[in-house]
């Protein structure tokens, strides 16, 4: 389905938040290629209900989530349906990068608050605190898992300019999303992320 209207932009190493109603569609676009976006979701009716990677893996029976799959809440309810995906590579294992991430993995780089700090700032107006932020669905992130050893790697995204993923909200939601700040996740450079919301009532 073509995007109607101009997308909005998340600048490099920053975050944003907004709400979705049931049936609204959120399209996340990698405008330049090779950039990750962390996505979290909360019930708009009760912020204690949040996106859950464990429930999602359990019910979808896969860690390779793509078109036709659902992202589930910690209360076993469908939050988002993936209705289109031109990238095909996303991660739901790793937590949002943070000050601690930079201290641990990048001791020779300037410390950055990362996606965790950006999400915390963006979601604060909705009464969501740092402790409430779950493991993010890391859109476009490339994290292969060795089938024998279970070892994981973080490799540069395989996305090309214009690749996208489209979600349909299955309940009223508060959404937080970023243009990721971690070096390894984005192949050592930082680019914007575009997004577009198509309202079901429009």
C-alpha atoms as a PDB file:
ATOM      1  CA  UNK A   1       0.000   0.000   0.000  1.00  0.00           C
ATOM      2  CA  UNK A   2       1.528   3.382  -0.933  1.00  0.00           C
ATOM      3  CA  UNK A   3       2.240   5.895   1.817  1.00  0.00           C
ATOM      4  CA  UNK A   4      -0.199   8.797   1.755  1.00  0.00           C
ATOM      5  CA  UNK A   5       1.379  12.075   2.809  1.00  0.00           C
ATOM      6  CA  UNK A   6       4.898  12.913   3.875  1.00  0.00           C
ATOM      7  CA  UNK A   7       6.574  10.783   6.541  1.00  0.00           C
ATOM      8  CA  UNK A   8       7.918  12.296   9.744  1.00  0.00           C
ATOM      9  CA  UNK A   9      11.583  12.018  10.672  1.00  0.00           C
ATOM     10  CA  UNK A  10      13.433  10.821  13.758  1.00  0.00           C
ATOM     11  CA  UNK A  11      16.817  12.495  13.628  1.00  0.00           C
ATOM     12  CA  UNK A  12      19.976  10.429  14.175  1.00  0.00           C
ATOM     13  CA  UNK A  13      20.472   9.238  17.768  1.00  0.00           C
ATOM     14  CA  UNK A  14      17.129  10.621  18.955  1.00  0.00           C
ATOM     15  CA  UNK A  15      13.652   9.357  19.804  1.00  0.00           C
ATOM     16  CA  UNK A  16       9.960  10.183  19.634  1.00  0.00           C
ATOM     17  CA  UNK A  17       6.591   9.009  20.943  1.00  0.00           C
ATOM     18  CA  UNK A  18       2.956   9.116  19.818  1.00  0.00           C
ATOM     19  CA  UNK A  19      -0.312   7.216  20.121  1.00  0.00           C
ATOM     20  CA  UNK A  20      -2.116   4.799  17.837  1.00  0.00           C
ATOM     21  CA  UNK A  21      -5.764   3.792  17.829  1.00  0.00           C
ATOM     22  CA  UNK A  22      -6.981   0.313  16.949  1.00  0.00           C
ATOM     23  CA  UNK A  23      -6.597  -0.188  13.206  1.00  0.00           C
ATOM     24  CA  UNK A  24      -4.088   2.619  12.678  1.00  0.00           C
ATOM     25  CA  UNK A  25      -1.061   1.653  10.593  1.00  0.00           C
ATOM     26  CA  UNK A  26       2.510   2.626  11.450  1.00  0.00           C
ATOM     27  CA  UNK A  27       5.137   2.432   8.715  1.00  0.00           C
ATOM     28  CA  UNK A  28       8.792   2.660   9.739  1.00  0.00           C
ATOM     29  CA  UNK A  29      11.157   3.467   6.880  1.00  0.00           C
ATOM     30  CA  UNK A  30      14.941   3.306   6.579  1.00  0.00           C
ATOM     31  CA  UNK A  31      15.408   6.285   4.226  1.00  0.00           C
ATOM     32  CA  UNK A  32      19.142   5.889   3.608  1.00  0.00           C
ATOM     33  CA  UNK A  33      19.741   2.214   4.433  1.00  0.00           C
ATOM     34  CA  UNK A  34      21.716   0.583   7.223  1.00  0.00           C
ATOM     35  CA  UNK A  35      19.913   2.138  10.216  1.00  0.00           C
ATOM     36  CA  UNK A  36      18.132   0.476  13.162  1.00  0.00           C
ATOM     37  CA  UNK A  37      15.038   1.765  14.972  1.00  0.00           C
ATOM     38  CA  UNK A  38      14.079   0.599  18.477  1.00  0.00           C
ATOM     39  CA  UNK A  39      10.299   0.238  18.905  1.00  0.00           C
ATOM     40  CA  UNK A  40       8.366  -0.188  22.159  1.00  0.00           C
ATOM     41  CA  UNK A  41       4.626  -0.219  22.793  1.00  0.00           C
ATOM     42  CA  UNK A  42       2.326   0.164  25.794  1.00  0.00           C
ATOM     43  CA  UNK A  43      -1.420  -0.131  26.183  1.00  0.00           C
ATOM     44  CA  UNK A  44      -2.893   3.356  26.076  1.00  0.00           C
ATOM     45  CA  UNK A  45      -5.436   2.225  28.671  1.00  0.00           C
ATOM     46  CA  UNK A  46      -2.961   0.750  31.182  1.00  0.00           C
ATOM     47  CA  UNK A  47       0.746   1.511  30.823  1.00  0.00           C
ATOM     48  CA  UNK A  48       1.610  -1.605  32.866  1.00  0.00           C
ATOM     49  CA  UNK A  49       0.697  -3.646  29.781  1.00  0.00           C
ATOM     50  CA  UNK A  50       3.752  -3.520  27.549  1.00  0.00           C
ATOM     51  CA  UNK A  51       5.397  -5.206  24.599  1.00  0.00           C
ATOM     52  CA  UNK A  52       6.857  -8.612  25.523  1.00  0.00           C
ATOM     53  CA  UNK A  53       9.480 -10.464  23.537  1.00  0.00           C
ATOM     54  CA  UNK A  54       8.969 -13.613  25.621  1.00  0.00           C
ATOM     55  CA  UNK A  55       5.224 -13.784  24.992  1.00  0.00           C
ATOM     56  CA  UNK A  56       5.799 -12.998  21.325  1.00  0.00           C
ATOM     57  CA  UNK A  57       8.365 -15.791  20.875  1.00  0.00           C
ATOM     58  CA  UNK A  58       6.067 -18.179  22.726  1.00  0.00           C
ATOM     59  CA  UNK A  59       2.940 -17.519  20.660  1.00  0.00           C
ATOM     60  CA  UNK A  60       4.575 -16.915  17.275  1.00  0.00           C
ATOM     61  CA  UNK A  61       7.016 -19.841  17.743  1.00  0.00           C
ATOM     62  CA  UNK A  62       9.833 -18.008  15.976  1.00  0.00           C
ATOM     63  CA  UNK A  63      12.487 -15.369  16.641  1.00  0.00           C
ATOM     64  CA  UNK A  64      12.417 -14.305  12.971  1.00  0.00           C
ATOM     65  CA  UNK A  65       9.346 -12.104  12.973  1.00  0.00           C
ATOM     66  CA  UNK A  66       8.014 -10.717   9.714  1.00  0.00           C
ATOM     67  CA  UNK A  67       4.835 -10.277   7.693  1.00  0.00           C
ATOM     68  CA  UNK A  68       1.865 -12.112   9.170  1.00  0.00           C
ATOM     69  CA  UNK A  69       3.331 -12.264  12.676  1.00  0.00           C
ATOM     70  CA  UNK A  70       2.073 -10.424  15.765  1.00  0.00           C
ATOM     71  CA  UNK A  71       3.864  -8.636  18.583  1.00  0.00           C
ATOM     72  CA  UNK A  72       2.251  -9.573  21.904  1.00  0.00           C
ATOM     73  CA  UNK A  73       1.943  -7.879  25.285  1.00  0.00           C
ATOM     74  CA  UNK A  74       2.954  -9.160  28.711  1.00  0.00           C
ATOM     75  CA  UNK A  75      -0.757  -9.878  29.223  1.00  0.00           C
ATOM     76  CA  UNK A  76      -0.921 -12.174  26.202  1.00  0.00           C
ATOM     77  CA  UNK A  77      -2.789  -9.772  23.962  1.00  0.00           C
ATOM     78  CA  UNK A  78      -1.916  -8.851  20.393  1.00  0.00           C
ATOM     79  CA  UNK A  79      -0.522  -5.333  20.205  1.00  0.00           C
ATOM     80  CA  UNK A  80       0.802  -4.995  16.656  1.00  0.00           C
ATOM     81  CA  UNK A  81       0.415  -7.014  13.459  1.00  0.00           C
ATOM     82  CA  UNK A  82       3.175  -6.930  10.846  1.00  0.00           C
ATOM     83  CA  UNK A  83       1.320  -6.361   7.576  1.00  0.00           C
ATOM     84  CA  UNK A  84       4.265  -5.526   5.286  1.00  0.00           C
ATOM     85  CA  UNK A  85       8.016  -6.054   5.545  1.00  0.00           C
ATOM     86  CA  UNK A  86      10.549  -5.424   2.801  1.00  0.00           C
ATOM     87  CA  UNK A  87      13.556  -5.838   5.103  1.00  0.00           C
ATOM     88  CA  UNK A  88      12.961  -9.267   6.650  1.00  0.00           C
ATOM     89  CA  UNK A  89      15.640  -8.839   9.326  1.00  0.00           C
ATOM     90  CA  UNK A  90      14.743  -7.576  12.801  1.00  0.00           C
ATOM     91  CA  UNK A  91      15.822  -8.368  16.372  1.00  0.00           C
ATOM     92  CA  UNK A  92      13.735  -8.928  19.489  1.00  0.00           C
ATOM     93  CA  UNK A  93      16.473 -10.348  21.730  1.00  0.00           C
ATOM     94  CA  UNK A  94      18.576  -7.344  22.748  1.00  0.00           C
ATOM     95  CA  UNK A  95      17.638  -4.494  25.055  1.00  0.00           C
ATOM     96  CA  UNK A  96      17.841  -0.826  24.010  1.00  0.00           C
ATOM     97  CA  UNK A  97      21.382   0.546  24.074  1.00  0.00           C
ATOM     98  CA  UNK A  98      22.115   2.710  27.113  1.00  0.00           C
ATOM     99  CA  UNK A  99      24.878   4.486  29.026  1.00  0.00           C
ATOM    100  CA  UNK A 100      25.889   1.075  30.361  1.00  0.00           C
ATOM    101  CA  UNK A 101      26.005  -0.346  26.831  1.00  0.00           C
ATOM    102  CA  UNK A 102      28.483   2.326  25.771  1.00  0.00           C
ATOM    103  CA  UNK A 103      30.586   1.853  28.897  1.00  0.00           C
ATOM    104  CA  UNK A 104      30.698  -1.919  28.357  1.00  0.00           C
ATOM    105  CA  UNK A 105      31.127  -2.238  24.589  1.00  0.00           C
ATOM    106  CA  UNK A 106      32.625   1.090  23.527  1.00  0.00           C
ATOM    107  CA  UNK A 107      35.060   2.206  26.266  1.00  0.00           C
ATOM    108  CA  UNK A 108      37.041   4.226  23.702  1.00  0.00           C
ATOM    109  CA  UNK A 109      33.953   6.146  22.497  1.00  0.00           C
ATOM    110  CA  UNK A 110      32.052   9.041  24.090  1.00  0.00           C
ATOM    111  CA  UNK A 111      29.318   7.797  26.414  1.00  0.00           C
ATOM    112  CA  UNK A 112      25.828   8.290  24.998  1.00  0.00           C
ATOM    113  CA  UNK A 113      22.459   7.811  26.686  1.00  0.00           C
ATOM    114  CA  UNK A 114      21.475   5.611  23.776  1.00  0.00           C
ATOM    115  CA  UNK A 115      18.026   4.404  22.792  1.00  0.00           C
ATOM    116  CA  UNK A 116      17.112   3.717  26.408  1.00  0.00           C
ATOM    117  CA  UNK A 117      17.675   7.326  27.408  1.00  0.00           C
ATOM    118  CA  UNK A 118      15.948   8.616  24.288  1.00  0.00           C
ATOM    119  CA  UNK A 119      12.932   6.384  24.906  1.00  0.00           C
ATOM    120  CA  UNK A 120      12.758   7.421  28.561  1.00  0.00           C
ATOM    121  CA  UNK A 121      12.673  11.103  27.613  1.00  0.00           C
ATOM    122  CA  UNK A 122      10.141  10.593  24.809  1.00  0.00           C
ATOM    123  CA  UNK A 123       7.783   8.465  26.923  1.00  0.00           C
ATOM    124  CA  UNK A 124       7.929  10.511  30.132  1.00  0.00           C
ATOM    125  CA  UNK A 125       4.936  12.703  29.122  1.00  0.00           C
ATOM    126  CA  UNK A 126       2.815   9.536  29.128  1.00  0.00           C
ATOM    127  CA  UNK A 127       3.802   8.672  32.689  1.00  0.00           C
ATOM    128  CA  UNK A 128       6.125   5.873  31.561  1.00  0.00           C
ATOM    129  CA  UNK A 129       9.281   5.590  33.668  1.00  0.00           C
ATOM    130  CA  UNK A 130      12.670   4.041  32.909  1.00  0.00           C
ATOM    131  CA  UNK A 131      11.800   0.881  34.847  1.00  0.00           C
ATOM    132  CA  UNK A 132       8.736   0.372  32.623  1.00  0.00           C
ATOM    133  CA  UNK A 133      10.681   0.219  29.335  1.00  0.00           C
ATOM    134  CA  UNK A 134      10.748  -3.354  27.986  1.00  0.00           C
ATOM    135  CA  UNK A 135      13.006  -5.080  25.498  1.00  0.00           C
ATOM    136  CA  UNK A 136      12.456  -3.241  22.223  1.00  0.00           C
ATOM    137  CA  UNK A 137      11.546  -4.697  18.862  1.00  0.00           C
ATOM    138  CA  UNK A 138      14.710  -3.621  17.061  1.00  0.00           C
ATOM    139  CA  UNK A 139      13.487  -2.805  13.577  1.00  0.00           C
ATOM    140  CA  UNK A 140      16.027  -3.526  10.795  1.00  0.00           C
ATOM    141  CA  UNK A 141      18.614  -4.863  13.300  1.00  0.00           C
ATOM    142  CA  UNK A 142      20.740  -7.768  12.080  1.00  0.00           C
ATOM    143  CA  UNK A 143      21.478 -10.228  14.904  1.00  0.00           C
ATOM    144  CA  UNK A 144      22.265 -13.696  13.549  1.00  0.00           C
ATOM    145  CA  UNK A 145      22.142 -16.602  16.001  1.00  0.00           C
ATOM    146  CA  UNK A 146      24.456 -19.600  15.590  1.00  0.00           C
ATOM    147  CA  UNK A 147      22.166 -22.646  15.461  1.00  0.00           C
ATOM    148  CA  UNK A 148      24.789 -24.881  17.115  1.00  0.00           C
ATOM    149  CA  UNK A 149      26.386 -22.733  19.831  1.00  0.00           C
ATOM    150  CA  UNK A 150      23.615 -20.197  20.398  1.00  0.00           C
ATOM    151  CA  UNK A 151      26.195 -17.428  20.034  1.00  0.00           C
ATOM    152  CA  UNK A 152      24.780 -14.115  18.821  1.00  0.00           C
ATOM    153  CA  UNK A 153      26.455 -11.406  16.760  1.00  0.00           C
ATOM    154  CA  UNK A 154      25.513  -7.835  16.002  1.00  0.00           C
ATOM    155  CA  UNK A 155      26.147  -7.087  12.352  1.00  0.00           C
ATOM    156  CA  UNK A 156      25.338  -4.061  10.170  1.00  0.00           C
ATOM    157  CA  UNK A 157      21.752  -3.915   8.914  1.00  0.00           C
ATOM    158  CA  UNK A 158      21.106  -5.368   5.470  1.00  0.00           C
ATOM    159  CA  UNK A 159      18.488  -2.744   4.653  1.00  0.00           C
ATOM    160  CA  UNK A 160      18.667  -0.596   1.568  1.00  0.00           C
ATOM    161  CA  UNK A 161      17.316   2.918   1.211  1.00  0.00           C
ATOM    162  CA  UNK A 162      13.520   2.832   1.310  1.00  0.00           C
ATOM    163  CA  UNK A 163      13.112  -0.525   3.044  1.00  0.00           C
ATOM    164  CA  UNK A 164      10.171  -0.503   5.431  1.00  0.00           C
ATOM    165  CA  UNK A 165       8.046  -2.407   7.876  1.00  0.00           C
ATOM    166  CA  UNK A 166       4.346  -1.688   8.377  1.00  0.00           C
ATOM    167  CA  UNK A 167       2.371  -2.502  11.514  1.00  0.00           C
ATOM    168  CA  UNK A 168      -1.360  -2.416  12.246  1.00  0.00           C
ATOM    169  CA  UNK A 169      -2.376  -1.593  15.816  1.00  0.00           C
ATOM    170  CA  UNK A 170      -4.578  -4.229  17.431  1.00  0.00           C
ATOM    171  CA  UNK A 171      -5.389  -2.031  20.459  1.00  0.00           C
ATOM    172  CA  UNK A 172      -4.959   1.625  21.469  1.00  0.00           C
ATOM    173  CA  UNK A 173      -1.220   2.107  22.028  1.00  0.00           C
ATOM    174  CA  UNK A 174       1.469   4.476  23.197  1.00  0.00           C
ATOM    175  CA  UNK A 175       4.482   4.039  20.908  1.00  0.00           C
ATOM    176  CA  UNK A 176       8.096   4.959  21.540  1.00  0.00           C
ATOM    177  CA  UNK A 177      10.683   4.692  18.788  1.00  0.00           C
ATOM    178  CA  UNK A 178      14.228   5.804  18.031  1.00  0.00           C
ATOM    179  CA  UNK A 179      16.920   6.123  15.448  1.00  0.00           C
ATOM    180  CA  UNK A 180      19.412   3.824  17.169  1.00  0.00           C
ATOM    181  CA  UNK A 181      22.602   5.201  18.717  1.00  0.00           C
ATOM    182  CA  UNK A 182      24.868   2.110  18.986  1.00  0.00           C
ATOM    183  CA  UNK A 183      27.915   1.794  16.731  1.00  0.00           C
ATOM    184  CA  UNK A 184      27.786  -1.943  15.971  1.00  0.00           C
ATOM    185  CA  UNK A 185      24.045  -1.996  15.370  1.00  0.00           C
ATOM    186  CA  UNK A 186      24.311   0.572  12.576  1.00  0.00           C
ATOM    187  CA  UNK A 187      27.619  -0.315  10.964  1.00  0.00           C
ATOM    188  CA  UNK A 188      29.436   2.534  12.706  1.00  0.00           C
ATOM    189  CA  UNK A 189      27.355   5.436  11.366  1.00  0.00           C
ATOM    190  CA  UNK A 190      24.129   7.096  12.451  1.00  0.00           C
ATOM    191  CA  UNK A 191      21.278   8.044  10.157  1.00  0.00           C
ATOM    192  CA  UNK A 192      17.643   9.142  10.502  1.00  0.00           C
ATOM    193  CA  UNK A 193      14.548   6.978  10.559  1.00  0.00           C
ATOM    194  CA  UNK A 194      11.309   8.027   8.885  1.00  0.00           C
ATOM    195  CA  UNK A 195       7.815   6.971   9.935  1.00  0.00           C
ATOM    196  CA  UNK A 196       4.247   7.490   8.843  1.00  0.00           C
ATOM    197  CA  UNK A 197       0.950   6.933  10.651  1.00  0.00           C
ATOM    198  CA  UNK A 198      -2.143   6.157   8.587  1.00  0.00           C
ATOM    199  CA  UNK A 199      -5.224   6.660  10.732  1.00  0.00           C
ATOM    200  CA  UNK A 200      -7.955   4.043  10.396  1.00  0.00           C
ATOM    201  CA  UNK A 201     -10.542   6.792  10.732  1.00  0.00           C
ATOM    202  CA  UNK A 202      -9.072   8.885   7.905  1.00  0.00           C
END
